[in-house]
Amino acid sequence: MMRKVRAGVLGAAAVIAAGGLVAGCTAAATPEGWTRLEKGWLAVDVPKAWVEVAMDQTGPYDVVLQDTESTDDAQYQFAAATEFGTETARATMGTLDAQAPFGALDGDGGLTELDADGDLDLWRWDFTFDDGAYQGVSWAAHDPATERTVVVHLTGQELPEDTVQHIEDSMEVLTD
């Protein structure tokens, strides 16, 4: 069973290919050019062309994807903590702020409670870092019934709003 993060979130469940991290889904659920990632407690759509990369220091993030294998050449990076813990989404955002995973942030950024479907707690944090050279968006989603929390980060020099919005709209916390 999955709990949707937002009303209108994609409803069909994805099927994970044996041994695969990123799984394809039916066309009705995941649009062309995207694929469904399911790992731990997280289900989310990601651009199909992005590749998993090994990182030396990722902290709690067990999935790191980029638009290219070379970290030096990457324009976009996606990192997910697929089983972050049991705190509420708002408390998790406080933890992320204290950890400063991207170094010093420029200003407080924008922390917003999103309109969830009533079953989940979802917060979004928009920020910049490296003197405004990079943009970032972080989401924390918490399912109070199972006390599961997941975290997703997306960073890049210029984040396309349609990519940001699709990732946000497709996030789900897996409950089974």
C-alpha atoms as a PDB file:
ATOM      1  CA  MET A   1       0.000   0.000   0.000  1.00  0.00           C
ATOM      2  CA  MET A   2       1.193   3.545  -0.754  1.00  0.00           C
ATOM      3  CA  ARG A   3       0.146   6.800   0.823  1.00  0.00           C
ATOM      4  CA  LYS A   4       0.062   9.662  -1.621  1.00  0.00           C
ATOM      5  CA  VAL A   5       1.900  12.819  -0.741  1.00  0.00           C
ATOM      6  CA  ARG A   6      -0.461  15.170  -2.584  1.00  0.00           C
ATOM      7  CA  ALA A   7      -3.957  15.027  -3.944  1.00  0.00           C
ATOM      8  CA  GLY A   8      -3.844  14.029  -7.589  1.00  0.00           C
ATOM      9  CA  VAL A   9      -0.523  12.221  -7.288  1.00  0.00           C
ATOM     10  CA  LEU A  10      -0.030   9.451  -9.778  1.00  0.00           C
ATOM     11  CA  GLY A  11      -2.046   6.464  -8.634  1.00  0.00           C
ATOM     12  CA  ALA A  12      -0.720   3.329 -10.283  1.00  0.00           C
ATOM     13  CA  ALA A  13       1.891   1.308  -8.421  1.00  0.00           C
ATOM     14  CA  ALA A  14       5.238   0.659 -10.087  1.00  0.00           C
ATOM     15  CA  VAL A  15       6.797  -2.739 -10.504  1.00  0.00           C
ATOM     16  CA  ILE A  16      10.478  -2.995  -9.658  1.00  0.00           C
ATOM     17  CA  ALA A  17      12.572  -4.939 -12.123  1.00  0.00           C
ATOM     18  CA  ALA A  18      14.449  -7.763 -10.429  1.00  0.00           C
ATOM     19  CA  GLY A  19      17.546  -6.312  -8.812  1.00  0.00           C
ATOM     20  CA  GLY A  20      16.944  -2.885 -10.338  1.00  0.00           C
ATOM     21  CA  LEU A  21      16.814   0.380  -8.440  1.00  0.00           C
ATOM     22  CA  VAL A  22      14.875   2.333 -11.038  1.00  0.00           C
ATOM     23  CA  ALA A  23      11.816   0.629 -12.440  1.00  0.00           C
ATOM     24  CA  GLY A  24       9.576   1.385 -15.382  1.00  0.00           C
ATOM     25  CA  CYS A  25       5.869   1.922 -14.901  1.00  0.00           C
ATOM     26  CA  THR A  26       2.850   1.915 -17.153  1.00  0.00           C
ATOM     27  CA  ALA A  27       2.503   4.890 -19.472  1.00  0.00           C
ATOM     28  CA  ALA A  28      -0.630   6.019 -17.618  1.00  0.00           C
ATOM     29  CA  ALA A  29       1.282   6.373 -14.352  1.00  0.00           C
ATOM     30  CA  THR A  30       4.695   7.688 -15.390  1.00  0.00           C
ATOM     31  CA  PRO A  31       5.025   9.983 -18.417  1.00  0.00           C
ATOM     32  CA  GLU A  32       7.395   9.349 -21.294  1.00  0.00           C
ATOM     33  CA  GLY A  33      10.949  10.376 -20.460  1.00  0.00           C
ATOM     34  CA  TRP A  34      10.496   9.505 -16.774  1.00  0.00           C
ATOM     35  CA  THR A  35      10.849   6.292 -14.795  1.00  0.00           C
ATOM     36  CA  ARG A  36       9.577   5.223 -11.378  1.00  0.00           C
ATOM     37  CA  LEU A  37      12.118   4.789  -8.576  1.00  0.00           C
ATOM     38  CA  GLU A  38      11.038   2.651  -5.623  1.00  0.00           C
ATOM     39  CA  LYS A  39      13.425   1.996  -2.779  1.00  0.00           C
ATOM     40  CA  GLY A  40      12.909   1.688   0.958  1.00  0.00           C
ATOM     41  CA  TRP A  41       9.856   3.758   1.851  1.00  0.00           C
ATOM     42  CA  LEU A  42      10.098   6.081  -1.188  1.00  0.00           C
ATOM     43  CA  ALA A  43       8.408   6.004  -4.589  1.00  0.00           C
ATOM     44  CA  VAL A  44       9.057   8.935  -6.957  1.00  0.00           C
ATOM     45  CA  ASP A  45       9.407   9.647 -10.679  1.00  0.00           C
ATOM     46  CA  VAL A  46      12.850  10.661 -11.958  1.00  0.00           C
ATOM     47  CA  PRO A  47      14.056  11.570 -15.454  1.00  0.00           C
ATOM     48  CA  LYS A  48      14.801   8.342 -17.323  1.00  0.00           C
ATOM     49  CA  ALA A  49      18.183   9.583 -18.611  1.00  0.00           C
ATOM     50  CA  TRP A  50      19.583  10.210 -15.122  1.00  0.00           C
ATOM     51  CA  VAL A  51      22.130   7.686 -13.853  1.00  0.00           C
ATOM     52  CA  GLU A  52      22.965   6.389 -10.399  1.00  0.00           C
ATOM     53  CA  VAL A  53      26.381   7.493  -9.181  1.00  0.00           C
ATOM     54  CA  ALA A  54      28.503   6.314  -6.287  1.00  0.00           C
ATOM     55  CA  MET A  55      29.358   9.053  -3.824  1.00  0.00           C
ATOM     56  CA  ASP A  56      32.008   8.830  -1.100  1.00  0.00           C
ATOM     57  CA  GLN A  57      30.088  10.851   1.484  1.00  0.00           C
ATOM     58  CA  THR A  58      26.327  10.866   1.185  1.00  0.00           C
ATOM     59  CA  GLY A  59      25.263  10.797   4.844  1.00  0.00           C
ATOM     60  CA  PRO A  60      21.754   9.345   5.100  1.00  0.00           C
ATOM     61  CA  TYR A  61      21.212   9.476   1.323  1.00  0.00           C
ATOM     62  CA  ASP A  62      21.179   5.996  -0.175  1.00  0.00           C
ATOM     63  CA  VAL A  63      20.260   7.032  -3.733  1.00  0.00           C
ATOM     64  CA  VAL A  64      22.177   9.629  -5.763  1.00  0.00           C
ATOM     65  CA  LEU A  65      21.283  10.261  -9.411  1.00  0.00           C
ATOM     66  CA  GLN A  66      22.696  12.806 -11.855  1.00  0.00           C
ATOM     67  CA  ASP A  67      22.106  13.815 -15.438  1.00  0.00           C
ATOM     68  CA  THR A  68      25.616  12.528 -16.264  1.00  0.00           C
ATOM     69  CA  GLU A  69      28.024  10.040 -14.684  1.00  0.00           C
ATOM     70  CA  SER A  70      30.674  12.712 -14.155  1.00  0.00           C
ATOM     71  CA  THR A  71      30.026  14.728 -11.008  1.00  0.00           C
ATOM     72  CA  ASP A  72      32.167  17.547 -12.436  1.00  0.00           C
ATOM     73  CA  ASP A  73      29.936  17.802 -15.529  1.00  0.00           C
ATOM     74  CA  ALA A  74      26.553  17.221 -13.866  1.00  0.00           C
ATOM     75  CA  GLN A  75      23.975  19.993 -14.169  1.00  0.00           C
ATOM     76  CA  TYR A  76      21.471  18.287 -11.854  1.00  0.00           C
ATOM     77  CA  GLN A  77      21.792  16.021  -8.845  1.00  0.00           C
ATOM     78  CA  PHE A  78      19.011  14.105  -7.087  1.00  0.00           C
ATOM     79  CA  ALA A  79      19.660  12.593  -3.654  1.00  0.00           C
ATOM     80  CA  ALA A  80      17.184  10.605  -1.564  1.00  0.00           C
ATOM     81  CA  ALA A  81      17.144   9.235   1.949  1.00  0.00           C
ATOM     82  CA  THR A  82      14.629   6.476   1.376  1.00  0.00           C
ATOM     83  CA  GLU A  83      14.285   5.594   5.077  1.00  0.00           C
ATOM     84  CA  PHE A  84      15.217   8.834   6.856  1.00  0.00           C
ATOM     85  CA  GLY A  85      13.529   8.153  10.180  1.00  0.00           C
ATOM     86  CA  THR A  86      10.330   8.704  12.133  1.00  0.00           C
ATOM     87  CA  GLU A  87      10.232  12.460  12.846  1.00  0.00           C
ATOM     88  CA  THR A  88       7.522  14.637  11.318  1.00  0.00           C
ATOM     89  CA  ALA A  89       8.327  16.317   8.015  1.00  0.00           C
ATOM     90  CA  ARG A  90       8.681  19.716   9.725  1.00  0.00           C
ATOM     91  CA  ALA A  91      11.051  18.339  12.379  1.00  0.00           C
ATOM     92  CA  THR A  92      13.031  16.615   9.616  1.00  0.00           C
ATOM     93  CA  MET A  93      13.468  19.958   7.849  1.00  0.00           C
ATOM     94  CA  GLY A  94      14.960  21.347  11.071  1.00  0.00           C
ATOM     95  CA  THR A  95      17.381  18.416  11.158  1.00  0.00           C
ATOM     96  CA  LEU A  96      18.357  19.029   7.520  1.00  0.00           C
ATOM     97  CA  ASP A  97      18.955  22.713   8.226  1.00  0.00           C
ATOM     98  CA  ALA A  98      21.233  21.824  11.153  1.00  0.00           C
ATOM     99  CA  GLN A  99      23.172  19.306   9.044  1.00  0.00           C
ATOM    100  CA  ALA A 100      23.636  21.800   6.158  1.00  0.00           C
ATOM    101  CA  PRO A 101      24.198  19.004   3.605  1.00  0.00           C
ATOM    102  CA  PHE A 102      25.099  21.486   0.855  1.00  0.00           C
ATOM    103  CA  GLY A 103      27.282  23.781   2.921  1.00  0.00           C
ATOM    104  CA  ALA A 104      26.276  27.244   4.033  1.00  0.00           C
ATOM    105  CA  LEU A 105      22.945  28.323   2.583  1.00  0.00           C
ATOM    106  CA  ASP A 106      22.286  31.831   1.308  1.00  0.00           C
ATOM    107  CA  GLY A 107      19.580  33.213   3.593  1.00  0.00           C
ATOM    108  CA  ASP A 108      16.838  31.151   5.163  1.00  0.00           C
ATOM    109  CA  GLY A 109      15.360  29.910   1.896  1.00  0.00           C
ATOM    110  CA  GLY A 110      11.660  29.259   1.652  1.00  0.00           C
ATOM    111  CA  LEU A 111      10.131  26.593   3.870  1.00  0.00           C
ATOM    112  CA  THR A 112       6.559  25.705   2.919  1.00  0.00           C
ATOM    113  CA  GLU A 113       4.006  23.209   4.167  1.00  0.00           C
ATOM    114  CA  LEU A 114       2.411  21.721   1.065  1.00  0.00           C
ATOM    115  CA  ASP A 115      -1.197  20.797   0.539  1.00  0.00           C
ATOM    116  CA  ALA A 116      -1.185  17.072   1.274  1.00  0.00           C
ATOM    117  CA  ASP A 117      -4.081  14.679   0.788  1.00  0.00           C
ATOM    118  CA  GLY A 118      -4.808  14.632   4.514  1.00  0.00           C
ATOM    119  CA  ASP A 119      -2.924  11.424   5.293  1.00  0.00           C
ATOM    120  CA  LEU A 120       0.609  12.760   4.945  1.00  0.00           C
ATOM    121  CA  ASP A 121       2.776  15.567   6.201  1.00  0.00           C
ATOM    122  CA  LEU A 122       4.792  17.195   3.350  1.00  0.00           C
ATOM    123  CA  TRP A 123       7.188  20.146   3.555  1.00  0.00           C
ATOM    124  CA  ARG A 124       9.257  21.809   0.826  1.00  0.00           C
ATOM    125  CA  TRP A 125      12.376  23.909   1.285  1.00  0.00           C
ATOM    126  CA  ASP A 126      13.648  26.129  -1.571  1.00  0.00           C
ATOM    127  CA  PHE A 127      17.191  27.420  -1.110  1.00  0.00           C
ATOM    128  CA  THR A 128      20.344  28.629  -2.839  1.00  0.00           C
ATOM    129  CA  PHE A 129      23.982  28.011  -1.953  1.00  0.00           C
ATOM    130  CA  ASP A 130      27.508  28.878  -3.120  1.00  0.00           C
ATOM    131  CA  ASP A 131      26.596  32.587  -3.235  1.00  0.00           C
ATOM    132  CA  GLY A 132      23.496  31.886  -5.304  1.00  0.00           C
ATOM    133  CA  ALA A 133      25.288  29.845  -7.991  1.00  0.00           C
ATOM    134  CA  TYR A 134      23.142  26.780  -7.240  1.00  0.00           C
ATOM    135  CA  GLN A 135      19.460  26.263  -6.541  1.00  0.00           C
ATOM    136  CA  GLY A 136      18.068  23.517  -4.388  1.00  0.00           C
ATOM    137  CA  VAL A 137      14.734  22.052  -3.398  1.00  0.00           C
ATOM    138  CA  SER A 138      14.314  19.593  -0.542  1.00  0.00           C
ATOM    139  CA  TRP A 139      11.177  17.699   0.386  1.00  0.00           C
ATOM    140  CA  ALA A 140      10.400  15.759   3.538  1.00  0.00           C
ATOM    141  CA  ALA A 141       7.335  13.511   3.506  1.00  0.00           C
ATOM    142  CA  HIS A 142       6.091  11.801   6.665  1.00  0.00           C
ATOM    143  CA  ASP A 143       3.337   9.218   7.009  1.00  0.00           C
ATOM    144  CA  PRO A 144       2.018   9.543  10.587  1.00  0.00           C
ATOM    145  CA  ALA A 145       0.231   6.171  10.436  1.00  0.00           C
ATOM    146  CA  THR A 146       3.475   4.246   9.836  1.00  0.00           C
ATOM    147  CA  GLU A 147       5.855   6.905  11.235  1.00  0.00           C
ATOM    148  CA  ARG A 148       7.948   6.696   8.063  1.00  0.00           C
ATOM    149  CA  THR A 149       9.797   9.739   6.739  1.00  0.00           C
ATOM    150  CA  VAL A 150      11.586  10.106   3.402  1.00  0.00           C
ATOM    151  CA  VAL A 151      13.711  12.984   2.111  1.00  0.00           C
ATOM    152  CA  VAL A 152      14.429  14.057  -1.469  1.00  0.00           C
ATOM    153  CA  HIS A 153      16.879  16.770  -2.606  1.00  0.00           C
ATOM    154  CA  LEU A 154      17.237  18.221  -6.088  1.00  0.00           C
ATOM    155  CA  THR A 155      20.068  20.645  -6.849  1.00  0.00           C
ATOM    156  CA  GLY A 156      21.405  22.385  -9.943  1.00  0.00           C
ATOM    157  CA  GLN A 157      22.474  25.706 -11.382  1.00  0.00           C
ATOM    158  CA  GLU A 158      19.028  26.342 -12.861  1.00  0.00           C
ATOM    159  CA  LEU A 159      16.269  23.917 -11.928  1.00  0.00           C
ATOM    160  CA  PRO A 160      13.481  23.608 -14.516  1.00  0.00           C
ATOM    161  CA  GLU A 161      10.180  24.268 -12.727  1.00  0.00           C
ATOM    162  CA  ASP A 162       8.406  21.462 -14.619  1.00  0.00           C
ATOM    163  CA  THR A 163      11.015  18.943 -13.388  1.00  0.00           C
ATOM    164  CA  VAL A 164      10.760  20.223  -9.817  1.00  0.00           C
ATOM    165  CA  GLN A 165       6.959  20.096  -9.913  1.00  0.00           C
ATOM    166  CA  HIS A 166       6.786  16.600 -11.409  1.00  0.00           C
ATOM    167  CA  ILE A 167       9.142  15.173  -8.786  1.00  0.00           C
ATOM    168  CA  GLU A 168       7.068  16.837  -6.062  1.00  0.00           C
ATOM    169  CA  ASP A 169       3.751  15.620  -7.478  1.00  0.00           C
ATOM    170  CA  SER A 170       4.962  12.035  -7.899  1.00  0.00           C
ATOM    171  CA  MET A 171       6.414  11.509  -4.390  1.00  0.00           C
ATOM    172  CA  GLU A 172       4.819   8.765  -2.311  1.00  0.00           C
ATOM    173  CA  VAL A 173       5.624   7.103   1.003  1.00  0.00           C
ATOM    174  CA  LEU A 174       5.342   3.331   0.725  1.00  0.00           C
ATOM    175  CA  THR A 175       3.466   1.772   3.609  1.00  0.00           C
ATOM    176  CA  ASP A 176       3.914  -1.931   2.828  1.00  0.00           C
END
